[in-house]
Amino acid sequence: EYMDETGKFHLNDTELMTYSHGEYFVLGEKL
């Protein structure tokens, strides 16, 4: 579902979740 027509995998489009100090966050803004 996260592959484009060129075969590139778009991991950062999956809304990966992270854990920080007892709370969950979704990754978002590219810096």
All heavy atoms as atom14 arrays in JSON, in Angstrom:
{
  "sequence": "EYMDETGKFHLNDTELMTYSHGEYFVLGEKL",
  "atom14_mask": [
    [1, 1, 1, 1, 1, 1, 1, 1, 1, 0, 0, 0, 0, 0],
    [1, 1, 1, 1, 1, 1, 1, 1, 1, 1, 1, 1, 0, 0],
    [1, 1, 1, 1, 1, 1, 1, 1, 0, 0, 0, 0, 0, 0],
    [1, 1, 1, 1, 1, 1, 1, 1, 0, 0, 0, 0, 0, 0],
    [1, 1, 1, 1, 1, 1, 1, 1, 1, 0, 0, 0, 0, 0],
    [1, 1, 1, 1, 1, 1, 1, 0, 0, 0, 0, 0, 0, 0],
    [1, 1, 1, 1, 0, 0, 0, 0, 0, 0, 0, 0, 0, 0],
    [1, 1, 1, 1, 1, 1, 1, 1, 1, 0, 0, 0, 0, 0],
    [1, 1, 1, 1, 1, 1, 1, 1, 1, 1, 1, 0, 0, 0],
    [1, 1, 1, 1, 1, 1, 1, 1, 1, 1, 0, 0, 0, 0],
    [1, 1, 1, 1, 1, 1, 1, 1, 0, 0, 0, 0, 0, 0],
    [1, 1, 1, 1, 1, 1, 1, 1, 0, 0, 0, 0, 0, 0],
    [1, 1, 1, 1, 1, 1, 1, 1, 0, 0, 0, 0, 0, 0],
    [1, 1, 1, 1, 1, 1, 1, 0, 0, 0, 0, 0, 0, 0],
    [1, 1, 1, 1, 1, 1, 1, 1, 1, 0, 0, 0, 0, 0],
    [1, 1, 1, 1, 1, 1, 1, 1, 0, 0, 0, 0, 0, 0],
    [1, 1, 1, 1, 1, 1, 1, 1, 0, 0, 0, 0, 0, 0],
    [1, 1, 1, 1, 1, 1, 1, 0, 0, 0, 0, 0, 0, 0],
    [1, 1, 1, 1, 1, 1, 1, 1, 1, 1, 1, 1, 0, 0],
    [1, 1, 1, 1, 1, 1, 0, 0, 0, 0, 0, 0, 0, 0],
    [1, 1, 1, 1, 1, 1, 1, 1, 1, 1, 0, 0, 0, 0],
    [1, 1, 1, 1, 0, 0, 0, 0, 0, 0, 0, 0, 0, 0],
    [1, 1, 1, 1, 1, 1, 1, 1, 1, 0, 0, 0, 0, 0],
    [1, 1, 1, 1, 1, 1, 1, 1, 1, 1, 1, 1, 0, 0],
    [1, 1, 1, 1, 1, 1, 1, 1, 1, 1, 1, 0, 0, 0],
    [1, 1, 1, 1, 1, 1, 1, 0, 0, 0, 0, 0, 0, 0],
    [1, 1, 1, 1, 1, 1, 1, 1, 0, 0, 0, 0, 0, 0],
    [1, 1, 1, 1, 0, 0, 0, 0, 0, 0, 0, 0, 0, 0],
    [1, 1, 1, 1, 1, 1, 1, 1, 1, 0, 0, 0, 0, 0],
    [1, 1, 1, 1, 1, 1, 1, 1, 1, 0, 0, 0, 0, 0],
    [1, 1, 1, 1, 1, 1, 1, 1, 0, 0, 0, 0, 0, 0]
  ],
  "atom14_positions": [
    [[0.83, -1.21, 0.0], [0.0, 0.0, 0.0], [0.86, 1.26, 0.0], [0.45, 2.31, -0.5], [-0.91, 0.02, 1.24], [-1.73, 1.27, 1.4], [-2.57, 1.3, 2.66], [-2.81, 0.23, 3.27], [-2.97, 2.4, 3.06], [0.0, 0.0, 0.0], [0.0, 0.0, 0.0], [0.0, 0.0, 0.0], [0.0, 0.0, 0.0], [0.0, 0.0, 0.0]],
    [[2.07, 1.16, 0.54], [2.95, 2.33, 0.66], [4.04, 2.37, -0.41], [5.01, 3.1, -0.28], [3.56, 2.37, 2.07], [2.49, 2.45, 3.12], [2.1, 1.32, 3.85], [1.81, 3.64, 3.35], [1.1, 1.39, 4.8], [0.79, 3.71, 4.3], [0.45, 2.58, 5.01], [-0.55, 2.66, 5.94], [0.0, 0.0, 0.0], [0.0, 0.0, 0.0]],
    [[3.87, 1.58, -1.47], [4.8, 1.58, -2.6], [4.22, 2.46, -3.71], [3.02, 2.44, -3.95], [4.99, 0.16, -3.15], [5.41, -0.87, -2.14], [7.15, -0.99, -1.82], [7.81, -1.42, -3.38], [0.0, 0.0, 0.0], [0.0, 0.0, 0.0], [0.0, 0.0, 0.0], [0.0, 0.0, 0.0], [0.0, 0.0, 0.0], [0.0, 0.0, 0.0]],
    [[5.08, 3.21, -4.38], [4.59, 3.99, -5.51], [4.85, 3.23, -6.82], [5.39, 2.12, -6.82], [5.16, 5.41, -5.54], [6.68, 5.45, -5.8], [7.25, 4.49, -6.36], [7.29, 6.49, -5.46], [0.0, 0.0, 0.0], [0.0, 0.0, 0.0], [0.0, 0.0, 0.0], [0.0, 0.0, 0.0], [0.0, 0.0, 0.0], [0.0, 0.0, 0.0]],
    [[4.45, 3.84, -7.92], [4.56, 3.17, -9.23], [5.99, 2.9, -9.66], [6.25, 2.06, -10.51], [3.81, 3.98, -10.3], [4.3, 5.39, -10.52], [3.82, 6.4, -9.47], [2.9, 6.09, -8.7], [4.4, 7.5, -9.42], [0.0, 0.0, 0.0], [0.0, 0.0, 0.0], [0.0, 0.0, 0.0], [0.0, 0.0, 0.0], [0.0, 0.0, 0.0]],
    [[6.97, 3.58, -9.03], [8.37, 3.34, -9.38], [9.01, 2.27, -8.5], [10.17, 1.94, -8.67], [9.2, 4.64, -9.25], [9.29, 5.01, -7.87], [8.6, 5.77, -10.07], [0.0, 0.0, 0.0], [0.0, 0.0, 0.0], [0.0, 0.0, 0.0], [0.0, 0.0, 0.0], [0.0, 0.0, 0.0], [0.0, 0.0, 0.0], [0.0, 0.0, 0.0]],
    [[8.23, 1.75, -7.52], [8.76, 0.74, -6.62], [9.37, 1.3, -5.35], [9.94, 0.56, -4.56], [0.0, 0.0, 0.0], [0.0, 0.0, 0.0], [0.0, 0.0, 0.0], [0.0, 0.0, 0.0], [0.0, 0.0, 0.0], [0.0, 0.0, 0.0], [0.0, 0.0, 0.0], [0.0, 0.0, 0.0], [0.0, 0.0, 0.0], [0.0, 0.0, 0.0]],
    [[9.26, 2.63, -5.14], [9.79, 3.24, -3.92], [8.81, 3.02, -2.77], [7.61, 3.22, -2.92], [10.03, 4.74, -4.11], [10.61, 5.4, -2.88], [10.91, 6.87, -3.08], [11.45, 7.41, -1.76], [11.75, 8.82, -1.84], [0.0, 0.0, 0.0], [0.0, 0.0, 0.0], [0.0, 0.0, 0.0], [0.0, 0.0, 0.0], [0.0, 0.0, 0.0]],
    [[9.36, 2.64, -1.62], [8.56, 2.44, -0.42], [8.55, 3.73, 0.38], [9.58, 4.29, 0.69], [9.15, 1.3, 0.42], [8.36, 0.98, 1.65], [7.07, 0.47, 1.55], [8.89, 1.18, 2.9], [6.34, 0.16, 2.69], [8.17, 0.87, 4.05], [6.88, 0.37, 3.94], [0.0, 0.0, 0.0], [0.0, 0.0, 0.0], [0.0, 0.0, 0.0]],
    [[7.36, 4.21, 0.73], [7.2, 5.49, 1.44], [6.9, 5.24, 2.92], [5.77, 5.43, 3.37], [6.11, 6.33, 0.76], [6.47, 6.76, -0.6], [7.18, 7.92, -0.86], [6.27, 6.16, -1.8], [7.38, 8.03, -2.16], [6.85, 6.98, -2.75], [0.0, 0.0, 0.0], [0.0, 0.0, 0.0], [0.0, 0.0, 0.0], [0.0, 0.0, 0.0]],
    [[7.91, 4.85, 3.66], [7.76, 4.53, 5.07], [7.2, 5.71, 5.86], [6.37, 5.55, 6.75], [9.11, 4.11, 5.67], [9.12, 3.77, 7.16], [8.2, 2.6, 7.47], [10.53, 3.49, 7.64], [0.0, 0.0, 0.0], [0.0, 0.0, 0.0], [0.0, 0.0, 0.0], [0.0, 0.0, 0.0], [0.0, 0.0, 0.0], [0.0, 0.0, 0.0]],
    [[7.63, 6.91, 5.53], [7.21, 8.08, 6.3], [5.77, 8.49, 6.04], [5.27, 9.42, 6.67], [8.17, 9.24, 6.08], [9.54, 8.93, 6.68], [9.63, 8.29, 7.72], [10.58, 9.35, 6.01], [0.0, 0.0, 0.0], [0.0, 0.0, 0.0], [0.0, 0.0, 0.0], [0.0, 0.0, 0.0], [0.0, 0.0, 0.0], [0.0, 0.0, 0.0]],
    [[5.08, 7.8, 5.13], [3.66, 8.05, 4.9], [2.78, 7.12, 5.75], [1.56, 7.19, 5.68], [3.3, 7.84, 3.42], [3.92, 8.91, 2.53], [4.36, 9.96, 3.05], [3.96, 8.7, 1.31], [0.0, 0.0, 0.0], [0.0, 0.0, 0.0], [0.0, 0.0, 0.0], [0.0, 0.0, 0.0], [0.0, 0.0, 0.0], [0.0, 0.0, 0.0]],
    [[3.37, 6.26, 6.55], [2.61, 5.26, 7.31], [2.11, 5.77, 8.66], [1.41, 5.05, 9.35], [3.46, 3.99, 7.55], [4.56, 4.32, 8.4], [3.95, 3.39, 6.25], [0.0, 0.0, 0.0], [0.0, 0.0, 0.0], [0.0, 0.0, 0.0], [0.0, 0.0, 0.0], [0.0, 0.0, 0.0], [0.0, 0.0, 0.0], [0.0, 0.0, 0.0]],
    [[2.48, 6.97, 9.05], [2.15, 7.53, 10.36], [2.73, 6.68, 11.49], [2.03, 6.23, 12.39], [0.64, 7.72, 10.54], [0.03, 8.73, 9.61], [-1.42, 9.04, 9.92], [-2.23, 8.1, 9.98], [-1.7, 10.23, 10.13], [0.0, 0.0, 0.0], [0.0, 0.0, 0.0], [0.0, 0.0, 0.0], [0.0, 0.0, 0.0], [0.0, 0.0, 0.0]],
    [[4.05, 6.46, 11.41], [4.73, 5.68, 12.44], [4.53, 6.32, 13.81], [4.49, 7.54, 13.96], [6.23, 5.6, 12.15], [6.63, 4.7, 11.0], [8.12, 4.84, 10.73], [6.27, 3.25, 11.28], [0.0, 0.0, 0.0], [0.0, 0.0, 0.0], [0.0, 0.0, 0.0], [0.0, 0.0, 0.0], [0.0, 0.0, 0.0], [0.0, 0.0, 0.0]],
    [[4.41, 5.46, 14.81], [4.19, 5.89, 16.18], [5.47, 5.72, 16.98], [6.25, 4.8, 16.72], [3.05, 5.05, 16.77], [2.6, 5.48, 18.15], [3.36, 4.53, 19.44], [2.47, 3.01, 19.32], [0.0, 0.0, 0.0], [0.0, 0.0, 0.0], [0.0, 0.0, 0.0], [0.0, 0.0, 0.0], [0.0, 0.0, 0.0], [0.0, 0.0, 0.0]],
    [[5.68, 6.6, 17.93], [6.83, 6.52, 18.81], [6.38, 6.67, 20.26], [5.25, 7.1, 20.52], [7.88, 7.61, 18.44], [9.07, 7.4, 19.18], [7.34, 9.0, 18.67], [0.0, 0.0, 0.0], [0.0, 0.0, 0.0], [0.0, 0.0, 0.0], [0.0, 0.0, 0.0], [0.0, 0.0, 0.0], [0.0, 0.0, 0.0], [0.0, 0.0, 0.0]],
    [[7.26, 6.31, 21.17], [6.96, 6.34, 22.6], [7.95, 7.27, 23.28], [9.15, 7.19, 23.03], [7.09, 4.92, 23.15], [6.84, 4.76, 24.62], [5.55, 4.68, 25.11], [7.9, 4.64, 25.51], [5.31, 4.5, 26.47], [7.68, 4.46, 26.86], [6.38, 4.39, 27.34], [6.15, 4.21, 28.67], [0.0, 0.0, 0.0], [0.0, 0.0, 0.0]],
    [[7.44, 8.17, 24.12], [8.32, 9.08, 24.82], [7.8, 9.35, 26.22], [6.72, 9.91, 26.38], [8.45, 10.41, 24.05], [9.34, 11.28, 24.71], [0.0, 0.0, 0.0], [0.0, 0.0, 0.0], [0.0, 0.0, 0.0], [0.0, 0.0, 0.0], [0.0, 0.0, 0.0], [0.0, 0.0, 0.0], [0.0, 0.0, 0.0], [0.0, 0.0, 0.0]],
    [[8.56, 8.9, 27.19], [8.3, 9.19, 28.6], [6.86, 8.87, 29.01], [6.15, 9.67, 29.59], [8.65, 10.66, 28.88], [8.95, 10.95, 30.31], [9.99, 10.35, 31.0], [8.37, 11.78, 31.19], [10.02, 10.8, 32.23], [9.04, 11.66, 32.38], [0.0, 0.0, 0.0], [0.0, 0.0, 0.0], [0.0, 0.0, 0.0], [0.0, 0.0, 0.0]],
    [[6.4, 7.67, 28.61], [5.08, 7.2, 29.01], [3.94, 7.6, 28.1], [2.78, 7.32, 28.4], [0.0, 0.0, 0.0], [0.0, 0.0, 0.0], [0.0, 0.0, 0.0], [0.0, 0.0, 0.0], [0.0, 0.0, 0.0], [0.0, 0.0, 0.0], [0.0, 0.0, 0.0], [0.0, 0.0, 0.0], [0.0, 0.0, 0.0], [0.0, 0.0, 0.0]],
    [[4.24, 8.24, 26.97], [3.19, 8.69, 26.05], [3.53, 8.29, 24.62], [4.69, 8.13, 24.26], [3.03, 10.21, 26.14], [2.63, 10.68, 27.53], [2.55, 12.2, 27.64], [3.53, 12.87, 27.24], [1.51, 12.69, 28.09], [0.0, 0.0, 0.0], [0.0, 0.0, 0.0], [0.0, 0.0, 0.0], [0.0, 0.0, 0.0], [0.0, 0.0, 0.0]],
    [[2.48, 8.14, 23.81], [2.63, 7.78, 22.4], [2.46, 9.02, 21.52], [1.59, 9.85, 21.78], [1.58, 6.74, 22.0], [1.59, 5.5, 22.86], [0.59, 5.27, 23.79], [2.6, 4.56, 22.74], [0.58, 4.14, 24.59], [2.61, 3.42, 23.54], [1.59, 3.21, 24.46], [1.61, 2.09, 25.24], [0.0, 0.0, 0.0], [0.0, 0.0, 0.0]],
    [[3.27, 9.1, 20.46], [3.21, 10.21, 19.52], [3.31, 9.67, 18.11], [3.95, 8.65, 17.87], [4.36, 11.19, 19.75], [4.31, 11.86, 21.1], [4.92, 11.29, 22.2], [3.63, 13.05, 21.26], [4.86, 11.89, 23.45], [3.56, 13.67, 22.5], [4.18, 13.09, 23.6], [0.0, 0.0, 0.0], [0.0, 0.0, 0.0], [0.0, 0.0, 0.0]],
    [[2.71, 10.37, 17.17], [2.85, 10.02, 15.77], [3.94, 10.91, 15.18], [4.03, 12.11, 15.51], [1.51, 10.15, 15.0], [1.05, 11.59, 14.9], [1.61, 9.53, 13.62], [0.0, 0.0, 0.0], [0.0, 0.0, 0.0], [0.0, 0.0, 0.0], [0.0, 0.0, 0.0], [0.0, 0.0, 0.0], [0.0, 0.0, 0.0], [0.0, 0.0, 0.0]],
    [[4.79, 10.33, 14.35], [5.81, 11.13, 13.68], [5.14, 12.02, 12.65], [4.17, 11.62, 12.03], [6.85, 10.23, 13.02], [7.67, 9.35, 13.96], [8.65, 8.5, 13.17], [8.41, 10.2, 14.97], [0.0, 0.0, 0.0], [0.0, 0.0, 0.0], [0.0, 0.0, 0.0], [0.0, 0.0, 0.0], [0.0, 0.0, 0.0], [0.0, 0.0, 0.0]],
    [[5.66, 13.19, 12.44], [4.99, 14.09, 11.52], [5.9, 15.01, 10.75], [6.31, 14.71, 9.65], [0.0, 0.0, 0.0], [0.0, 0.0, 0.0], [0.0, 0.0, 0.0], [0.0, 0.0, 0.0], [0.0, 0.0, 0.0], [0.0, 0.0, 0.0], [0.0, 0.0, 0.0], [0.0, 0.0, 0.0], [0.0, 0.0, 0.0], [0.0, 0.0, 0.0]],
    [[6.24, 16.12, 11.32], [6.93, 17.18, 10.6], [8.36, 16.8, 10.22], [9.17, 16.44, 11.07], [6.95, 18.44, 11.49], [7.6, 19.62, 10.83], [7.68, 20.83, 11.76], [7.18, 20.75, 12.91], [8.24, 21.83, 11.34], [0.0, 0.0, 0.0], [0.0, 0.0, 0.0], [0.0, 0.0, 0.0], [0.0, 0.0, 0.0], [0.0, 0.0, 0.0]],
    [[8.66, 16.93, 8.94], [10.01, 16.68, 8.45], [10.86, 17.93, 8.72], [10.46, 19.04, 8.39], [9.98, 16.38, 6.95], [11.34, 16.14, 6.34], [11.21, 15.85, 4.86], [12.55, 15.75, 4.19], [12.41, 15.5, 2.75], [0.0, 0.0, 0.0], [0.0, 0.0, 0.0], [0.0, 0.0, 0.0], [0.0, 0.0, 0.0], [0.0, 0.0, 0.0]],
    [[12.01, 17.73, 9.33], [12.88, 18.85, 9.68], [14.11, 18.96, 8.78], [14.75, 20.0, 8.76], [13.35, 18.69, 11.14], [12.24, 18.61, 12.18], [12.84, 18.35, 13.56], [11.42, 19.89, 12.18], [0.0, 0.0, 0.0], [0.0, 0.0, 0.0], [0.0, 0.0, 0.0], [0.0, 0.0, 0.0], [0.0, 0.0, 0.0], [0.0, 0.0, 0.0]]
  ]
}
